[in-house]
PDB file of N, CA and C in Angstrom:
ATOM      1  N   UNK A   1     -10.889   4.956  34.883  1.00  0.00           N
ATOM      2  CA  UNK A   1     -10.627   4.263  33.892  1.00  0.00           C
ATOM      3  C   UNK A   1      -9.702   2.847  34.253  1.00  0.00           C
ATOM      4  N   UNK A   2     -10.124   1.717  34.117  1.00  0.00           N
ATOM      5  CA  UNK A   2      -9.672   0.738  34.055  1.00  0.00           C
ATOM      6  C   UNK A   2      -8.992   0.072  33.073  1.00  0.00           C
ATOM      7  N   UNK A   3      -8.064  -0.531  32.835  1.00  0.00           N
ATOM      8  CA  UNK A   3      -7.512  -0.822  31.755  1.00  0.00           C
ATOM      9  C   UNK A   3      -7.315  -2.420  31.945  1.00  0.00           C
ATOM     10  N   UNK A   4      -7.670  -3.440  31.342  1.00  0.00           N
ATOM     11  CA  UNK A   4      -7.786  -4.807  31.735  1.00  0.00           C
ATOM     12  C   UNK A   4      -6.529  -5.331  31.009  1.00  0.00           C
ATOM     13  N   UNK A   5      -6.047  -5.929  31.744  1.00  0.00           N
ATOM     14  CA  UNK A   5      -4.876  -7.208  31.069  1.00  0.00           C
ATOM     15  C   UNK A   5      -4.623  -7.600  29.987  1.00  0.00           C
ATOM     16  N   UNK A   6      -3.873  -8.103  29.169  1.00  0.00           N
ATOM     17  CA  UNK A   6      -3.939  -8.491  27.751  1.00  0.00           C
ATOM     18  C   UNK A   6      -2.774  -9.533  27.848  1.00  0.00           C
ATOM     19  N   UNK A   7      -3.011 -10.596  27.016  1.00  0.00           N
ATOM     20  CA  UNK A   7      -2.004 -11.684  26.631  1.00  0.00           C
ATOM     21  C   UNK A   7      -0.832 -11.095  25.858  1.00  0.00           C
ATOM     22  N   UNK A   8       0.047 -11.819  25.313  1.00  0.00           N
ATOM     23  CA  UNK A   8       1.235 -11.505  24.843  1.00  0.00           C
ATOM     24  C   UNK A   8       0.572 -11.658  23.540  1.00  0.00           C
ATOM     25  N   UNK A   9      -0.435 -12.562  23.158  1.00  0.00           N
ATOM     26  CA  UNK A   9      -0.604 -12.828  22.062  1.00  0.00           C
ATOM     27  C   UNK A   9      -1.512 -11.807  21.411  1.00  0.00           C
ATOM     28  N   UNK A  10      -2.321 -11.421  22.173  1.00  0.00           N
ATOM     29  CA  UNK A  10      -3.022 -10.304  21.999  1.00  0.00           C
ATOM     30  C   UNK A  10      -2.376  -8.780  21.716  1.00  0.00           C
ATOM     31  N   UNK A  11      -1.414  -8.672  22.145  1.00  0.00           N
ATOM     32  CA  UNK A  11      -0.306  -7.358  21.929  1.00  0.00           C
ATOM     33  C   UNK A  11       0.105  -7.548  20.633  1.00  0.00           C
ATOM     34  N   UNK A  12       0.429  -9.251  20.730  1.00  0.00           N
ATOM     35  CA  UNK A  12       1.231  -9.331  19.070  1.00  0.00           C
ATOM     36  C   UNK A  12       0.181  -9.034  17.709  1.00  0.00           C
ATOM     37  N   UNK A  13      -1.124  -9.757  18.323  1.00  0.00           N
ATOM     38  CA  UNK A  13      -2.095  -9.424  16.804  1.00  0.00           C
ATOM     39  C   UNK A  13      -2.081  -7.767  16.885  1.00  0.00           C
ATOM     40  N   UNK A  14      -2.002  -6.747  17.645  1.00  0.00           N
ATOM     41  CA  UNK A  14      -2.156  -5.853  17.428  1.00  0.00           C
ATOM     42  C   UNK A  14      -1.099  -4.759  16.929  1.00  0.00           C
ATOM     43  N   UNK A  15       0.223  -5.232  17.499  1.00  0.00           N
ATOM     44  CA  UNK A  15       1.197  -4.589  16.908  1.00  0.00           C
ATOM     45  C   UNK A  15       1.382  -5.270  15.468  1.00  0.00           C
ATOM     46  N   UNK A  16       1.126  -6.438  15.365  1.00  0.00           N
ATOM     47  CA  UNK A  16       0.897  -6.914  13.786  1.00  0.00           C
ATOM     48  C   UNK A  16      -0.204  -6.295  12.834  1.00  0.00           C
ATOM     49  N   UNK A  17      -1.055  -5.586  13.304  1.00  0.00           N
ATOM     50  CA  UNK A  17      -2.175  -5.300  12.511  1.00  0.00           C
ATOM     51  C   UNK A  17      -1.490  -3.727  12.234  1.00  0.00           C
ATOM     52  N   UNK A  18      -1.298  -3.042  13.188  1.00  0.00           N
ATOM     53  CA  UNK A  18      -0.400  -1.801  12.753  1.00  0.00           C
ATOM     54  C   UNK A  18       0.575  -1.895  11.632  1.00  0.00           C
ATOM     55  N   UNK A  19       1.309  -2.549  11.770  1.00  0.00           N
ATOM     56  CA  UNK A  19       2.756  -2.707  10.882  1.00  0.00           C
ATOM     57  C   UNK A  19       1.894  -3.521   9.427  1.00  0.00           C
ATOM     58  N   UNK A  20       1.040  -4.161   9.745  1.00  0.00           N
ATOM     59  CA  UNK A  20       0.394  -4.398   8.313  1.00  0.00           C
ATOM     60  C   UNK A  20      -0.432  -3.330   7.664  1.00  0.00           C
ATOM     61  N   UNK A  21      -0.977  -2.299   8.620  1.00  0.00           N
ATOM     62  CA  UNK A  21      -1.598  -0.997   7.688  1.00  0.00           C
ATOM     63  C   UNK A  21      -0.786  -0.460   7.412  1.00  0.00           C
ATOM     64  N   UNK A  22       0.103  -0.187   8.128  1.00  0.00           N
ATOM     65  CA  UNK A  22       1.716   0.834   7.384  1.00  0.00           C
ATOM     66  C   UNK A  22       2.119   0.523   6.284  1.00  0.00           C
ATOM     67  N   UNK A  23       2.402  -0.882   6.483  1.00  0.00           N
ATOM     68  CA  UNK A  23       2.922  -1.315   5.331  1.00  0.00           C
ATOM     69  C   UNK A  23       2.044  -1.471   4.399  1.00  0.00           C
ATOM     70  N   UNK A  24       0.977  -1.516   3.795  1.00  0.00           N
ATOM     71  CA  UNK A  24      -0.519  -1.481   3.092  1.00  0.00           C
ATOM     72  C   UNK A  24      -0.075  -0.114   2.638  1.00  0.00           C
ATOM     73  N   UNK A  25      -0.302   1.024   3.901  1.00  0.00           N
ATOM     74  CA  UNK A  25      -0.326   2.542   3.065  1.00  0.00           C
ATOM     75  C   UNK A  25       0.880   2.810   2.438  1.00  0.00           C
ATOM     76  N   UNK A  26       2.150   2.315   2.851  1.00  0.00           N
ATOM     77  CA  UNK A  26       3.379   2.763   2.014  1.00  0.00           C
ATOM     78  C   UNK A  26       3.605   1.975   0.574  1.00  0.00           C
ATOM     79  N   UNK A  27       3.133   1.271   0.567  1.00  0.00           N
ATOM     80  CA  UNK A  27       3.018  -0.004  -0.490  1.00  0.00           C
ATOM     81  C   UNK A  27       1.998   0.836  -1.753  1.00  0.00           C
ATOM     82  N   UNK A  28       0.784   1.744  -1.427  1.00  0.00           N
ATOM     83  CA  UNK A  28      -0.219   2.023  -2.179  1.00  0.00           C
ATOM     84  C   UNK A  28       0.846   3.525  -2.382  1.00  0.00           C
ATOM     85  N   UNK A  29       1.155   3.811  -1.670  1.00  0.00           N
ATOM     86  CA  UNK A  29       2.060   5.347  -2.067  1.00  0.00           C
ATOM     87  C   UNK A  29       3.205   5.246  -2.879  1.00  0.00           C
ATOM     88  N   UNK A  30       3.765   4.021  -2.733  1.00  0.00           N
ATOM     89  CA  UNK A  30       4.707   3.409  -3.935  1.00  0.00           C
ATOM     90  C   UNK A  30       4.508   3.375  -5.194  1.00  0.00           C
ATOM     91  N   UNK A  31       3.051   2.749  -5.346  1.00  0.00           N
ATOM     92  CA  UNK A  31       2.522   1.926  -6.744  1.00  0.00           C
ATOM     93  C   UNK A  31       1.800   3.287  -7.204  1.00  0.00           C
ATOM     94  N   UNK A  32       1.497   4.391  -6.495  1.00  0.00           N
ATOM     95  CA  UNK A  32       0.993   5.848  -6.844  1.00  0.00           C
ATOM     96  C   UNK A  32       1.645   6.265  -7.858  1.00  0.00           C
ATOM     97  N   UNK A  33       0.831   6.691  -9.043  1.00  0.00           N
ATOM     98  CA  UNK A  33       1.796   7.803 -10.161  1.00  0.00           C
ATOM     99  C   UNK A  33       1.552   9.395  -9.680  1.00  0.00           C
ATOM    100  N   UNK A  34       0.687   9.765  -8.139  1.00  0.00           N
ATOM    101  CA  UNK A  34       0.932  11.018  -7.903  1.00  0.00           C
ATOM    102  C   UNK A  34       2.278  11.472  -7.782  1.00  0.00           C
ATOM    103  N   UNK A  35       2.125  12.799  -8.006  1.00  0.00           N
ATOM    104  CA  UNK A  35       3.506  13.557  -7.672  1.00  0.00           C
ATOM    105  C   UNK A  35       3.458  14.622  -6.023  1.00  0.00           C
ATOM    106  N   UNK A  36       2.028  14.805  -6.180  1.00  0.00           N
ATOM    107  CA  UNK A  36       2.150  15.311  -4.360  1.00  0.00           C
ATOM    108  C   UNK A  36       0.954  13.772  -3.528  1.00  0.00           C
ATOM    109  N   UNK A  37       1.582  13.860  -2.323  1.00  0.00           N
ATOM    110  CA  UNK A  37       0.696  12.692  -1.669  1.00  0.00           C
ATOM    111  C   UNK A  37       0.607  13.532  -0.192  1.00  0.00           C
ATOM    112  N   UNK A  38      -0.728  13.974   0.428  1.00  0.00           N
ATOM    113  CA  UNK A  38      -0.990  14.370   1.362  1.00  0.00           C
ATOM    114  C   UNK A  38      -1.733  13.267   2.306  1.00  0.00           C
ATOM    115  N   UNK A  39      -1.477  12.813   3.267  1.00  0.00           N
ATOM    116  CA  UNK A  39      -2.316  11.733   4.446  1.00  0.00           C
ATOM    117  C   UNK A  39      -1.608  12.398   5.531  1.00  0.00           C
ATOM    118  N   UNK A  40      -2.402  12.011   6.569  1.00  0.00           N
ATOM    119  CA  UNK A  40      -2.873  12.326   8.149  1.00  0.00           C
ATOM    120  C   UNK A  40      -1.622  13.488   8.528  1.00  0.00           C
ATOM    121  N   UNK A  41      -2.242  15.171   7.557  1.00  0.00           N
ATOM    122  CA  UNK A  41      -1.251  15.859   8.241  1.00  0.00           C
ATOM    123  C   UNK A  41      -0.025  16.135   7.843  1.00  0.00           C
ATOM    124  N   UNK A  42       0.309  15.073   6.745  1.00  0.00           N
ATOM    125  CA  UNK A  42       1.631  15.288   6.305  1.00  0.00           C
ATOM    126  C   UNK A  42       1.593  15.342   4.560  1.00  0.00           C
ATOM    127  N   UNK A  43       2.694  15.810   4.031  1.00  0.00           N
ATOM    128  CA  UNK A  43       2.590  15.890   2.672  1.00  0.00           C
ATOM    129  C   UNK A  43       4.020  15.684   2.091  1.00  0.00           C
ATOM    130  N   UNK A  44       4.140  14.917   0.985  1.00  0.00           N
ATOM    131  CA  UNK A  44       4.996  14.378   0.127  1.00  0.00           C
ATOM    132  C   UNK A  44       5.370  15.000  -1.144  1.00  0.00           C
ATOM    133  N   UNK A  45       6.194  15.379  -1.528  1.00  0.00           N
ATOM    134  CA  UNK A  45       5.978  15.881  -3.048  1.00  0.00           C
ATOM    135  C   UNK A  45       7.511  15.175  -3.806  1.00  0.00           C
ATOM    136  N   UNK A  46       7.366  14.199  -4.795  1.00  0.00           N
ATOM    137  CA  UNK A  46       8.007  13.750  -5.278  1.00  0.00           C
ATOM    138  C   UNK A  46       8.114  13.717  -7.348  1.00  0.00           C
ATOM    139  N   UNK A  47       9.054  12.755  -7.657  1.00  0.00           N
ATOM    140  CA  UNK A  47       9.605  12.629  -8.817  1.00  0.00           C
ATOM    141  C   UNK A  47       8.883  11.337  -9.312  1.00  0.00           C
ATOM    142  N   UNK A  48       7.864  11.397 -10.215  1.00  0.00           N
ATOM    143  CA  UNK A  48       7.301   9.898 -10.540  1.00  0.00           C
ATOM    144  C   UNK A  48       8.059   9.394 -11.763  1.00  0.00           C
ATOM    145  N   UNK A  49       8.729   8.328 -11.955  1.00  0.00           N
ATOM    146  CA  UNK A  49       9.740   7.703 -13.077  1.00  0.00           C
ATOM    147  C   UNK A  49       8.734   7.297 -13.994  1.00  0.00           C
ATOM    148  N   UNK A  50       9.156   8.013 -15.424  1.00  0.00           N
ATOM    149  CA  UNK A  50       8.868   8.098 -16.511  1.00  0.00           C
ATOM    150  C   UNK A  50       8.786   6.323 -17.208  1.00  0.00           C
ATOM    151  N   UNK A  51       7.502   5.391 -17.086  1.00  0.00           N
ATOM    152  CA  UNK A  51       7.795   4.114 -17.545  1.00  0.00           C
ATOM    153  C   UNK A  51       7.549   4.824 -19.341  1.00  0.00           C
ATOM    154  N   UNK A  52       8.431   3.658 -19.959  1.00  0.00           N
ATOM    155  CA  UNK A  52       8.286   3.642 -21.253  1.00  0.00           C
ATOM    156  C   UNK A  52       7.640   2.457 -21.810  1.00  0.00           C
ATOM    157  N   UNK A  53       7.114   2.262 -23.186  1.00  0.00           N
ATOM    158  CA  UNK A  53       6.167   1.475 -23.457  1.00  0.00           C
ATOM    159  C   UNK A  53       7.003  -0.108 -23.515  1.00  0.00           C
ATOM    160  N   UNK A  54       8.100  -0.297 -23.265  1.00  0.00           N
ATOM    161  CA  UNK A  54       8.638  -1.451 -23.623  1.00  0.00           C
ATOM    162  C   UNK A  54       8.853  -2.012 -22.367  1.00  0.00           C
ATOM    163  N   UNK A  55       8.986  -0.926 -21.057  1.00  0.00           N
ATOM    164  CA  UNK A  55       8.569  -1.464 -19.499  1.00  0.00           C
ATOM    165  C   UNK A  55       6.963  -1.920 -18.836  1.00  0.00           C
ATOM    166  N   UNK A  56       6.078  -1.575 -20.232  1.00  0.00           N
ATOM    167  CA  UNK A  56       4.657  -1.731 -19.217  1.00  0.00           C
ATOM    168  C   UNK A  56       4.529  -3.403 -20.084  1.00  0.00           C
ATOM    169  N   UNK A  57       3.698  -4.103 -19.206  1.00  0.00           N
ATOM    170  CA  UNK A  57       3.714  -5.503 -19.242  1.00  0.00           C
ATOM    171  C   UNK A  57       2.161  -5.886 -19.750  1.00  0.00           C
ATOM    172  N   UNK A  58       1.861  -6.222 -20.709  1.00  0.00           N
ATOM    173  CA  UNK A  58       0.531  -6.756 -21.397  1.00  0.00           C
ATOM    174  C   UNK A  58      -0.089  -7.110 -20.180  1.00  0.00           C
ATOM    175  N   UNK A  59      -1.590  -6.999 -19.959  1.00  0.00           N
ATOM    176  CA  UNK A  59      -2.625  -7.349 -18.833  1.00  0.00           C
ATOM    177  C   UNK A  59      -2.874  -8.795 -20.056  1.00  0.00           C
ATOM    178  N   UNK A  60      -3.134 -10.053 -19.409  1.00  0.00           N
ATOM    179  CA  UNK A  60      -3.539 -11.006 -20.329  1.00  0.00           C
ATOM    180  C   UNK A  60      -5.068 -10.898 -20.022  1.00  0.00           C
ATOM    181  N   UNK A  61      -6.113 -11.247 -20.770  1.00  0.00           N
ATOM    182  CA  UNK A  61      -7.690 -10.997 -20.496  1.00  0.00           C
ATOM    183  C   UNK A  61      -7.796 -12.469 -20.082  1.00  0.00           C
ATOM    184  N   UNK A  62      -8.886 -12.986 -19.454  1.00  0.00           N
ATOM    185  CA  UNK A  62      -9.610 -13.804 -19.200  1.00  0.00           C
ATOM    186  C   UNK A  62     -10.387 -14.610 -20.609  1.00  0.00           C
ATOM    187  N   UNK A  63     -10.645 -14.014 -21.287  1.00  0.00           N
ATOM    188  CA  UNK A  63     -11.764 -14.170 -22.431  1.00  0.00           C
ATOM    189  C   UNK A  63     -11.066 -15.003 -23.245  1.00  0.00           C
ATOM    190  N   UNK A  64     -11.373 -15.690 -23.897  1.00  0.00           N
ATOM    191  CA  UNK A  64     -10.646 -16.613 -25.123  1.00  0.00           C
ATOM    192  C   UNK A  64     -10.144 -15.602 -26.268  1.00  0.00           C
ATOM    193  N   UNK A  65      -9.142 -15.976 -26.796  1.00  0.00           N
ATOM    194  CA  UNK A  65      -9.054 -15.140 -28.107  1.00  0.00           C
ATOM    195  C   UNK A  65     -10.109 -15.479 -29.042  1.00  0.00           C
ATOM    196  N   UNK A  66     -10.605 -14.421 -30.048  1.00  0.00           N
ATOM    197  CA  UNK A  66     -11.620 -14.696 -31.036  1.00  0.00           C
ATOM    198  C   UNK A  66     -11.054 -15.818 -32.177  1.00  0.00           C
ATOM    199  N   UNK A  67     -11.733 -16.706 -33.057  1.00  0.00           N
ATOM    200  CA  UNK A  67     -11.370 -17.308 -33.968  1.00  0.00           C
ATOM    201  C   UNK A  67     -10.982 -17.019 -34.970  1.00  0.00           C
TER     202      UNK A  67
END
C-alpha cells in the first residue's frame, strides 16, 4: 500500500474538517436535554439545568399577526 504525498493545504482541510465535526458533536451534546448520552462507546451522565418560564424566549412566527 503506497500513500501518496499531500500538500499542506490538504492536510489543513482534513484537520479542520475533523475539528469542525467534533465541535458540532460537542455543541449538540451541550444543547441536549438528555441526562444520559452514549456515543462511540462512551457514556456520560449529567445533570440538566431546569429552565424557568422567564428564561424561555418566545419564537417569533413568520406569519403576520391576525387582524
